[in-house]
Amino acid sequence: MDANLFKRQNGKEENKMSKRKTNIIKTDEAISDFARFLLEREELQKRIKIDDGYISINIVCPYEFELVRCDTHEKLVKWIYHLAEKNWVTTDVLRVFIETVAGQFGWDIYGA
């Protein structure tokens, strides 16, 4: 076999293997990111809860108010706006807050 041909074929195989390794690493990173997302979400669900007619958001410090203050869509939007102004509130905090309140009242947040 020609030495140059061998180098070209061997180089192609090494390149394919390198691409496969890169794809595996990217897949592992994506799985890791998704696992981290699920753990963070699970932790947020523990920190945002409804108990005895109050909603409690415990991120930096306890933040609690009566659930009846967000028992309509309009009130909920006002609370979302209010909470969004807090420096400790992230998009994920708002998302779990909305899901928690909507779940309590049986509201479909995914429907059209």
Foldseek 3Di string as FASTA:
>chain_A
DDPVVVVVVVVVVVVVVVVVVVVVVVVVVVVVVVVVVVVVLVVQLVQWADDPQKTWHQQPHTDIDGLVCQQDPVSLVVVLVVVVVDPRDDPSNSVSNVVRSCVVNVHDPPDD
